[in-house]
Amino acid sequence: MKVDIVARSGDGWQGEASSVVVPAFEGELGILDGREPLLAVLRPGTVWVESGSGEKTFEVPQGFVVVDSNVVTIVVDDSGEGELHLEELDD
């Protein structure tokens, strides 16, 4: 599935994934290929993107996630107090 992480500033990341885990308001939310359409509010936390080439992690502030037609779009607010680190984190 396609993954897009976008911020109000225009920063972003795109890639392909077999699974994505996002920090939803009610807890961690796992998203797999073929997921039914979904809209969820995100809290600040870590996004995990798993692909054939390994796992990538990103620190994101609050925002929301939309899943539709095997496209995961994560929109985050980088205009406030939270920090946006779209670069891959080192383990």
PDB file of N, CA and C in Angstrom:
ATOM      1  N   MET A   1       0.841  -1.169   0.000  1.00  0.00           N
ATOM      2  CA  MET A   1       0.000   0.000   0.000  1.00  0.00           C
ATOM      3  C   MET A   1       0.889   1.236   0.000  1.00  0.00           C
ATOM      4  N   LYS A   2       0.344   2.331  -0.463  1.00  0.00           N
ATOM      5  CA  LYS A   2       1.079   3.590  -0.531  1.00  0.00           C
ATOM      6  C   LYS A   2       0.897   4.348   0.783  1.00  0.00           C
ATOM      7  N   VAL A   3       1.971   4.974   1.267  1.00  0.00           N
ATOM      8  CA  VAL A   3       1.918   5.770   2.492  1.00  0.00           C
ATOM      9  C   VAL A   3       2.404   7.179   2.181  1.00  0.00           C
ATOM     10  N   ASP A   4       1.620   8.175   2.575  1.00  0.00           N
ATOM     11  CA  ASP A   4       1.996   9.583   2.452  1.00  0.00           C
ATOM     12  C   ASP A   4       1.924  10.209   3.831  1.00  0.00           C
ATOM     13  N   ILE A   5       3.013  10.832   4.274  1.00  0.00           N
ATOM     14  CA  ILE A   5       3.002  11.620   5.500  1.00  0.00           C
ATOM     15  C   ILE A   5       3.199  13.063   5.068  1.00  0.00           C
ATOM     16  N   VAL A   6       2.245  13.918   5.398  1.00  0.00           N
ATOM     17  CA  VAL A   6       2.311  15.316   4.964  1.00  0.00           C
ATOM     18  C   VAL A   6       2.102  16.246   6.154  1.00  0.00           C
ATOM     19  N   ALA A   7       2.751  17.415   6.070  1.00  0.00           N
ATOM     20  CA  ALA A   7       2.638  18.429   7.114  1.00  0.00           C
ATOM     21  C   ALA A   7       2.181  19.739   6.488  1.00  0.00           C
ATOM     22  N   ARG A   8       1.632  20.593   7.319  1.00  0.00           N
ATOM     23  CA  ARG A   8       1.150  21.883   6.824  1.00  0.00           C
ATOM     24  C   ARG A   8       2.268  22.700   6.191  1.00  0.00           C
ATOM     25  N   SER A   9       3.498  22.520   6.655  1.00  0.00           N
ATOM     26  CA  SER A   9       4.638  23.268   6.125  1.00  0.00           C
ATOM     27  C   SER A   9       5.026  22.818   4.727  1.00  0.00           C
ATOM     28  N   GLY A  10       4.496  21.678   4.293  1.00  0.00           N
ATOM     29  CA  GLY A  10       4.859  21.140   2.990  1.00  0.00           C
ATOM     30  C   GLY A  10       5.867  20.009   3.077  1.00  0.00           C
ATOM     31  N   ASP A  11       6.468  19.811   4.268  1.00  0.00           N
ATOM     32  CA  ASP A  11       7.388  18.686   4.448  1.00  0.00           C
ATOM     33  C   ASP A  11       6.611  17.387   4.324  1.00  0.00           C
ATOM     34  N   GLY A  12       7.311  16.318   3.985  1.00  0.00           N
ATOM     35  CA  GLY A  12       6.605  15.059   3.886  1.00  0.00           C
ATOM     36  C   GLY A  12       7.500  13.888   3.560  1.00  0.00           C
ATOM     37  N   TRP A  13       6.875  12.715   3.490  1.00  0.00           N
ATOM     38  CA  TRP A  13       7.547  11.471   3.144  1.00  0.00           C
ATOM     39  C   TRP A  13       6.548  10.599   2.408  1.00  0.00           C
ATOM     40  N   GLN A  14       7.030   9.859   1.398  1.00  0.00           N
ATOM     41  CA  GLN A  14       6.193   8.914   0.657  1.00  0.00           C
ATOM     42  C   GLN A  14       6.921   7.591   0.548  1.00  0.00           C
ATOM     43  N   GLY A  15       6.157   6.512   0.529  1.00  0.00           N
ATOM     44  CA  GLY A  15       6.754   5.210   0.344  1.00  0.00           C
ATOM     45  C   GLY A  15       5.702   4.125   0.257  1.00  0.00           C
ATOM     46  N   GLU A  16       6.170   2.901   0.085  1.00  0.00           N
ATOM     47  CA  GLU A  16       5.309   1.726   0.050  1.00  0.00           C
ATOM     48  C   GLU A  16       5.475   0.964   1.356  1.00  0.00           C
ATOM     49  N   ALA A  17       4.410   0.307   1.796  1.00  0.00           N
ATOM     50  CA  ALA A  17       4.465  -0.425   3.059  1.00  0.00           C
ATOM     51  C   ALA A  17       3.583  -1.656   3.011  1.00  0.00           C
ATOM     52  N   SER A  18       3.948  -2.648   3.826  1.00  0.00           N
ATOM     53  CA  SER A  18       3.085  -3.813   4.025  1.00  0.00           C
ATOM     54  C   SER A  18       2.221  -3.615   5.264  1.00  0.00           C
ATOM     55  N   SER A  19       2.692  -2.773   6.204  1.00  0.00           N
ATOM     56  CA  SER A  19       1.894  -2.429   7.381  1.00  0.00           C
ATOM     57  C   SER A  19       2.350  -1.084   7.934  1.00  0.00           C
ATOM     58  N   VAL A  20       1.424  -0.424   8.623  1.00  0.00           N
ATOM     59  CA  VAL A  20       1.692   0.871   9.250  1.00  0.00           C
ATOM     60  C   VAL A  20       1.044   0.846  10.631  1.00  0.00           C
ATOM     61  N   VAL A  21       1.733   1.388  11.624  1.00  0.00           N
ATOM     62  CA  VAL A  21       1.161   1.556  12.960  1.00  0.00           C
ATOM     63  C   VAL A  21       1.239   3.036  13.298  1.00  0.00           C
ATOM     64  N   VAL A  22       0.092   3.607  13.697  1.00  0.00           N
ATOM     65  CA  VAL A  22       0.023   5.032  14.016  1.00  0.00           C
ATOM     66  C   VAL A  22      -0.443   5.224  15.463  1.00  0.00           C
ATOM     67  N   PRO A  23      -0.060   6.364  16.077  1.00  0.00           N
ATOM     68  CA  PRO A  23      -0.482   6.642  17.453  1.00  0.00           C
ATOM     69  C   PRO A  23      -1.862   7.296  17.488  1.00  0.00           C
ATOM     70  N   ALA A  24      -2.895   6.497  17.355  1.00  0.00           N
ATOM     71  CA  ALA A  24      -4.266   7.023  17.368  1.00  0.00           C
ATOM     72  C   ALA A  24      -4.615   7.521  18.768  1.00  0.00           C
ATOM     73  N   PHE A  25      -5.597   8.380  18.844  1.00  0.00           N
ATOM     74  CA  PHE A  25      -6.011   8.981  20.112  1.00  0.00           C
ATOM     75  C   PHE A  25      -6.370   7.923  21.148  1.00  0.00           C
ATOM     76  N   GLU A  26      -7.007   6.838  20.715  1.00  0.00           N
ATOM     77  CA  GLU A  26      -7.445   5.773  21.632  1.00  0.00           C
ATOM     78  C   GLU A  26      -6.399   4.681  21.836  1.00  0.00           C
ATOM     79  N   GLY A  27      -5.233   4.783  21.181  1.00  0.00           N
ATOM     80  CA  GLY A  27      -4.189   3.772  21.310  1.00  0.00           C
ATOM     81  C   GLY A  27      -3.555   3.490  19.960  1.00  0.00           C
ATOM     82  N   GLU A  28      -2.581   2.596  19.934  1.00  0.00           N
ATOM     83  CA  GLU A  28      -1.893   2.263  18.689  1.00  0.00           C
ATOM     84  C   GLU A  28      -2.871   1.602  17.717  1.00  0.00           C
ATOM     85  N   LEU A  29      -2.784   1.987  16.449  1.00  0.00           N
ATOM     86  CA  LEU A  29      -3.682   1.477  15.415  1.00  0.00           C
ATOM     87  C   LEU A  29      -2.849   0.865  14.305  1.00  0.00           C
ATOM     88  N   GLY A  30      -3.024  -0.438  14.070  1.00  0.00           N
ATOM     89  CA  GLY A  30      -2.326  -1.127  12.996  1.00  0.00           C
ATOM     90  C   GLY A  30      -3.145  -1.111  11.718  1.00  0.00           C
ATOM     91  N   ILE A  31      -2.463  -0.850  10.604  1.00  0.00           N
ATOM     92  CA  ILE A  31      -3.124  -0.769   9.302  1.00  0.00           C
ATOM     93  C   ILE A  31      -2.426  -1.742   8.360  1.00  0.00           C
ATOM     94  N   LEU A  32      -3.197  -2.649   7.769  1.00  0.00           N
ATOM     95  CA  LEU A  32      -2.673  -3.624   6.817  1.00  0.00           C
ATOM     96  C   LEU A  32      -3.268  -3.384   5.441  1.00  0.00           C
ATOM     97  N   ASP A  33      -2.621  -3.949   4.432  1.00  0.00           N
ATOM     98  CA  ASP A  33      -3.103  -3.877   3.059  1.00  0.00           C
ATOM     99  C   ASP A  33      -4.551  -4.366   2.991  1.00  0.00           C
ATOM    100  N   GLY A  34      -5.406  -3.660   2.275  1.00  0.00           N
ATOM    101  CA  GLY A  34      -6.797  -4.057   2.126  1.00  0.00           C
ATOM    102  C   GLY A  34      -7.713  -3.551   3.219  1.00  0.00           C
ATOM    103  N   ARG A  35      -7.218  -2.693   4.093  1.00  0.00           N
ATOM    104  CA  ARG A  35      -8.006  -2.150   5.206  1.00  0.00           C
ATOM    105  C   ARG A  35      -9.233  -1.413   4.677  1.00  0.00           C
ATOM    106  N   GLU A  36     -10.344  -1.565   5.369  1.00  0.00           N
ATOM    107  CA  GLU A  36     -11.549  -0.795   5.046  1.00  0.00           C
ATOM    108  C   GLU A  36     -11.258   0.691   5.261  1.00  0.00           C
ATOM    109  N   PRO A  37     -11.987   1.588   4.586  1.00  0.00           N
ATOM    110  CA  PRO A  37     -11.766   3.028   4.779  1.00  0.00           C
ATOM    111  C   PRO A  37     -11.853   3.413   6.256  1.00  0.00           C
ATOM    112  N   LEU A  38     -11.012   4.369   6.633  1.00  0.00           N
ATOM    113  CA  LEU A  38     -10.864   4.736   8.037  1.00  0.00           C
ATOM    114  C   LEU A  38     -10.443   6.192   8.148  1.00  0.00           C
ATOM    115  N   LEU A  39     -10.934   6.874   9.172  1.00  0.00           N
ATOM    116  CA  LEU A  39     -10.479   8.211   9.551  1.00  0.00           C
ATOM    117  C   LEU A  39     -10.271   8.187  11.054  1.00  0.00           C
ATOM    118  N   ALA A  40      -9.080   8.580  11.530  1.00  0.00           N
ATOM    119  CA  ALA A  40      -8.802   8.565  12.969  1.00  0.00           C
ATOM    120  C   ALA A  40      -7.942   9.761  13.350  1.00  0.00           C
ATOM    121  N   VAL A  41      -8.154  10.258  14.568  1.00  0.00           N
ATOM    122  CA  VAL A  41      -7.360  11.355  15.121  1.00  0.00           C
ATOM    123  C   VAL A  41      -6.080  10.773  15.714  1.00  0.00           C
ATOM    124  N   LEU A  42      -4.954  11.464  15.478  1.00  0.00           N
ATOM    125  CA  LEU A  42      -3.667  11.018  16.006  1.00  0.00           C
ATOM    126  C   LEU A  42      -3.211  11.909  17.151  1.00  0.00           C
ATOM    127  N   ARG A  43      -2.536  11.286  18.096  1.00  0.00           N
ATOM    128  CA  ARG A  43      -1.874  12.022  19.170  1.00  0.00           C
ATOM    129  C   ARG A  43      -0.379  12.051  18.834  1.00  0.00           C
ATOM    130  N   PRO A  44       0.399  12.918  19.474  1.00  0.00           N
ATOM    131  CA  PRO A  44       1.845  12.896  19.232  1.00  0.00           C
ATOM    132  C   PRO A  44       2.415  11.514  19.562  1.00  0.00           C
ATOM    133  N   GLY A  45       3.328  11.044  18.722  1.00  0.00           N
ATOM    134  CA  GLY A  45       3.913   9.730  18.953  1.00  0.00           C
ATOM    135  C   GLY A  45       4.719   9.253  17.767  1.00  0.00           C
ATOM    136  N   THR A  46       4.886   7.951  17.679  1.00  0.00           N
ATOM    137  CA  THR A  46       5.723   7.333  16.651  1.00  0.00           C
ATOM    138  C   THR A  46       4.871   6.603  15.628  1.00  0.00           C
ATOM    139  N   VAL A  47       5.189   6.820  14.355  1.00  0.00           N
ATOM    140  CA  VAL A  47       4.587   6.075  13.245  1.00  0.00           C
ATOM    141  C   VAL A  47       5.606   5.029  12.811  1.00  0.00           C
ATOM    142  N   TRP A  48       5.176   3.761  12.702  1.00  0.00           N
ATOM    143  CA  TRP A  48       6.026   2.673  12.221  1.00  0.00           C
ATOM    144  C   TRP A  48       5.544   2.274  10.838  1.00  0.00           C
ATOM    145  N   VAL A  49       6.475   2.212   9.890  1.00  0.00           N
ATOM    146  CA  VAL A  49       6.169   1.805   8.521  1.00  0.00           C
ATOM    147  C   VAL A  49       7.018   0.579   8.209  1.00  0.00           C
ATOM    148  N   GLU A  50       6.366  -0.552   7.946  1.00  0.00           N
ATOM    149  CA  GLU A  50       7.062  -1.801   7.635  1.00  0.00           C
ATOM    150  C   GLU A  50       6.952  -2.070   6.143  1.00  0.00           C
ATOM    151  N   SER A  51       8.112  -2.320   5.520  1.00  0.00           N
ATOM    152  CA  SER A  51       8.120  -2.643   4.092  1.00  0.00           C
ATOM    153  C   SER A  51       9.098  -3.781   3.858  1.00  0.00           C
ATOM    154  N   GLY A  52       9.205  -4.209   2.619  1.00  0.00           N
ATOM    155  CA  GLY A  52      10.127  -5.286   2.279  1.00  0.00           C
ATOM    156  C   GLY A  52      11.575  -4.938   2.567  1.00  0.00           C
ATOM    157  N   SER A  53      11.890  -3.650   2.615  1.00  0.00           N
ATOM    158  CA  SER A  53      13.267  -3.222   2.870  1.00  0.00           C
ATOM    159  C   SER A  53      13.537  -2.935   4.345  1.00  0.00           C
ATOM    160  N   GLY A  54      12.561  -3.189   5.209  1.00  0.00           N
ATOM    161  CA  GLY A  54      12.765  -2.981   6.640  1.00  0.00           C
ATOM    162  C   GLY A  54      11.723  -2.059   7.247  1.00  0.00           C
ATOM    163  N   GLU A  55      12.021  -1.600   8.460  1.00  0.00           N
ATOM    164  CA  GLU A  55      11.094  -0.743   9.196  1.00  0.00           C
ATOM    165  C   GLU A  55      11.640   0.677   9.284  1.00  0.00           C
ATOM    166  N   LYS A  56      10.751   1.643   9.112  1.00  0.00           N
ATOM    167  CA  LYS A  56      11.087   3.048   9.297  1.00  0.00           C
ATOM    168  C   LYS A  56      10.202   3.583  10.414  1.00  0.00           C
ATOM    169  N   THR A  57      10.743   4.481  11.225  1.00  0.00           N
ATOM    170  CA  THR A  57       9.958   5.102  12.283  1.00  0.00           C
ATOM    171  C   THR A  57      10.064   6.612  12.168  1.00  0.00           C
ATOM    172  N   PHE A  58       8.963   7.288  12.463  1.00  0.00           N
ATOM    173  CA  PHE A  58       8.890   8.738  12.372  1.00  0.00           C
ATOM    174  C   PHE A  58       8.192   9.278  13.611  1.00  0.00           C
ATOM    175  N   GLU A  59       8.739  10.336  14.200  1.00  0.00           N
ATOM    176  CA  GLU A  59       8.073  11.023  15.307  1.00  0.00           C
ATOM    177  C   GLU A  59       7.166  12.089  14.713  1.00  0.00           C
ATOM    178  N   VAL A  60       5.908  12.084  15.114  1.00  0.00           N
ATOM    179  CA  VAL A  60       4.948  13.044  14.565  1.00  0.00           C
ATOM    180  C   VAL A  60       4.172  13.721  15.695  1.00  0.00           C
ATOM    181  N   PRO A  61       3.747  14.983  15.469  1.00  0.00           N
ATOM    182  CA  PRO A  61       2.854  15.645  16.415  1.00  0.00           C
ATOM    183  C   PRO A  61       1.417  15.203  16.149  1.00  0.00           C
ATOM    184  N   GLN A  62       0.462  15.889  16.732  1.00  0.00           N
ATOM    185  CA  GLN A  62      -0.948  15.534  16.520  1.00  0.00           C
ATOM    186  C   GLN A  62      -1.341  15.699  15.057  1.00  0.00           C
ATOM    187  N   GLY A  63      -2.423  15.017  14.675  1.00  0.00           N
ATOM    188  CA  GLY A  63      -2.912  15.091  13.306  1.00  0.00           C
ATOM    189  C   GLY A  63      -4.039  14.101  13.098  1.00  0.00           C
ATOM    190  N   PHE A  64      -4.118  13.570  11.875  1.00  0.00           N
ATOM    191  CA  PHE A  64      -5.121  12.552  11.591  1.00  0.00           C
ATOM    192  C   PHE A  64      -4.609  11.628  10.504  1.00  0.00           C
ATOM    193  N   VAL A  65      -5.246  10.457  10.393  1.00  0.00           N
ATOM    194  CA  VAL A  65      -4.902   9.483   9.368  1.00  0.00           C
ATOM    195  C   VAL A  65      -6.167   9.132   8.595  1.00  0.00           C
ATOM    196  N   VAL A  66      -6.014   9.020   7.282  1.00  0.00           N
ATOM    197  CA  VAL A  66      -7.095   8.595   6.393  1.00  0.00           C
ATOM    198  C   VAL A  66      -6.595   7.373   5.632  1.00  0.00           C
ATOM    199  N   VAL A  67      -7.416   6.320   5.605  1.00  0.00           N
ATOM    200  CA  VAL A  67      -7.097   5.123   4.828  1.00  0.00           C
ATOM    201  C   VAL A  67      -8.216   4.927   3.826  1.00  0.00           C
ATOM    202  N   ASP A  68      -7.850   4.811   2.538  1.00  0.00           N
ATOM    203  CA  ASP A  68      -8.843   4.584   1.490  1.00  0.00           C
ATOM    204  C   ASP A  68      -8.147   4.014   0.264  1.00  0.00           C
ATOM    205  N   SER A  69      -8.677   2.959  -0.289  1.00  0.00           N
ATOM    206  CA  SER A  69      -8.163   2.334  -1.522  1.00  0.00           C
ATOM    207  C   SER A  69      -6.671   2.021  -1.437  1.00  0.00           C
ATOM    208  N   ASN A  70      -6.255   1.414  -0.313  1.00  0.00           N
ATOM    209  CA  ASN A  70      -4.856   1.037  -0.092  1.00  0.00           C
ATOM    210  C   ASN A  70      -3.886   2.210  -0.117  1.00  0.00           C
ATOM    211  N   VAL A  71      -4.376   3.393   0.238  1.00  0.00           N
ATOM    212  CA  VAL A  71      -3.533   4.570   0.423  1.00  0.00           C
ATOM    213  C   VAL A  71      -3.718   5.046   1.859  1.00  0.00           C
ATOM    214  N   VAL A  72      -2.608   5.166   2.585  1.00  0.00           N
ATOM    215  CA  VAL A  72      -2.616   5.676   3.957  1.00  0.00           C
ATOM    216  C   VAL A  72      -2.061   7.094   3.905  1.00  0.00           C
ATOM    217  N   THR A  73      -2.883   8.069   4.273  1.00  0.00           N
ATOM    218  CA  THR A  73      -2.453   9.462   4.295  1.00  0.00           C
ATOM    219  C   THR A  73      -2.446   9.932   5.742  1.00  0.00           C
ATOM    220  N   ILE A  74      -1.276  10.345   6.199  1.00  0.00           N
ATOM    221  CA  ILE A  74      -1.109  10.845   7.563  1.00  0.00           C
ATOM    222  C   ILE A  74      -0.842  12.341   7.453  1.00  0.00           C
ATOM    223  N   VAL A  75      -1.736  13.140   8.031  1.00  0.00           N
ATOM    224  CA  VAL A  75      -1.612  14.599   7.979  1.00  0.00           C
ATOM    225  C   VAL A  75      -1.319  15.085   9.390  1.00  0.00           C
ATOM    226  N   VAL A  76      -0.215  15.825   9.541  1.00  0.00           N
ATOM    227  CA  VAL A  76       0.191  16.281  10.871  1.00  0.00           C
ATOM    228  C   VAL A  76       0.320  17.792  10.909  1.00  0.00           C
ATOM    229  N   ASP A  77       0.112  18.333  12.097  1.00  0.00           N
ATOM    230  CA  ASP A  77       0.157  19.776  12.326  1.00  0.00           C
ATOM    231  C   ASP A  77       1.530  20.141  12.866  1.00  0.00           C
ATOM    232  N   ASP A  78       2.342  20.794  12.047  1.00  0.00           N
ATOM    233  CA  ASP A  78       3.672  21.206  12.499  1.00  0.00           C
ATOM    234  C   ASP A  78       3.722  22.698  12.819  1.00  0.00           C
ATOM    235  N   SER A  79       2.553  23.315  13.068  1.00  0.00           N
ATOM    236  CA  SER A  79       2.514  24.754  13.331  1.00  0.00           C
ATOM    237  C   SER A  79       2.493  25.088  14.816  1.00  0.00           C
ATOM    238  N   GLY A  80       2.343  24.073  15.675  1.00  0.00           N
ATOM    239  CA  GLY A  80       2.206  24.335  17.106  1.00  0.00           C
ATOM    240  C   GLY A  80       3.408  23.894  17.906  1.00  0.00           C
ATOM    241  N   GLU A  81       3.141  23.444  19.126  1.00  0.00           N
ATOM    242  CA  GLU A  81       4.179  23.077  20.079  1.00  0.00           C
ATOM    243  C   GLU A  81       4.906  21.783  19.712  1.00  0.00           C
ATOM    244  N   GLY A  82       4.200  20.818  19.114  1.00  0.00           N
ATOM    245  CA  GLY A  82       4.807  19.517  18.830  1.00  0.00           C
ATOM    246  C   GLY A  82       5.882  19.609  17.768  1.00  0.00           C
ATOM    247  N   GLU A  83       6.846  18.694  17.846  1.00  0.00           N
ATOM    248  CA  GLU A  83       7.912  18.672  16.860  1.00  0.00           C
ATOM    249  C   GLU A  83       7.585  17.662  15.771  1.00  0.00           C
ATOM    250  N   LEU A  84       8.088  17.947  14.590  1.00  0.00           N
ATOM    251  CA  LEU A  84       7.897  17.054  13.457  1.00  0.00           C
ATOM    252  C   LEU A  84       9.253  16.533  13.026  1.00  0.00           C
ATOM    253  N   HIS A  85       9.450  15.224  13.084  1.00  0.00           N
ATOM    254  CA  HIS A  85      10.704  14.600  12.682  1.00  0.00           C
ATOM    255  C   HIS A  85      10.374  13.553  11.631  1.00  0.00           C
ATOM    256  N   LEU A  86      10.319  13.971  10.381  1.00  0.00           N
ATOM    257  CA  LEU A  86       9.963  13.033   9.326  1.00  0.00           C
ATOM    258  C   LEU A  86      11.160  12.231   8.836  1.00  0.00           C
ATOM    259  N   GLU A  87      12.356  12.601   9.281  1.00  0.00           N
ATOM    260  CA  GLU A  87      13.503  11.795   8.928  1.00  0.00           C
ATOM    261  C   GLU A  87      13.404  10.472   9.673  1.00  0.00           C
ATOM    262  N   GLU A  88      13.948   9.434   9.074  1.00  0.00           N
ATOM    263  CA  GLU A  88      13.930   8.128   9.733  1.00  0.00           C
ATOM    264  C   GLU A  88      14.742   8.207  11.018  1.00  0.00           C
ATOM    265  N   LEU A  89      14.203   7.681  12.104  1.00  0.00           N
ATOM    266  CA  LEU A  89      14.900   7.698  13.389  1.00  0.00           C
ATOM    267  C   LEU A  89      15.927   6.583  13.442  1.00  0.00           C
ATOM    268  N   ASP A  90      17.057   6.850  14.087  1.00  0.00           N
ATOM    269  CA  ASP A  90      18.064   5.812  14.310  1.00  0.00           C
ATOM    270  C   ASP A  90      17.689   5.020  15.540  1.00  0.00           C
ATOM    271  N   ASP A  91      17.815   3.690  15.453  1.00  0.00           N
ATOM    272  CA  ASP A  91      17.511   2.839  16.611  1.00  0.00           C
ATOM    273  C   ASP A  91      18.702   2.755  17.526  1.00  0.00           C
TER     274      ASP A  91
END
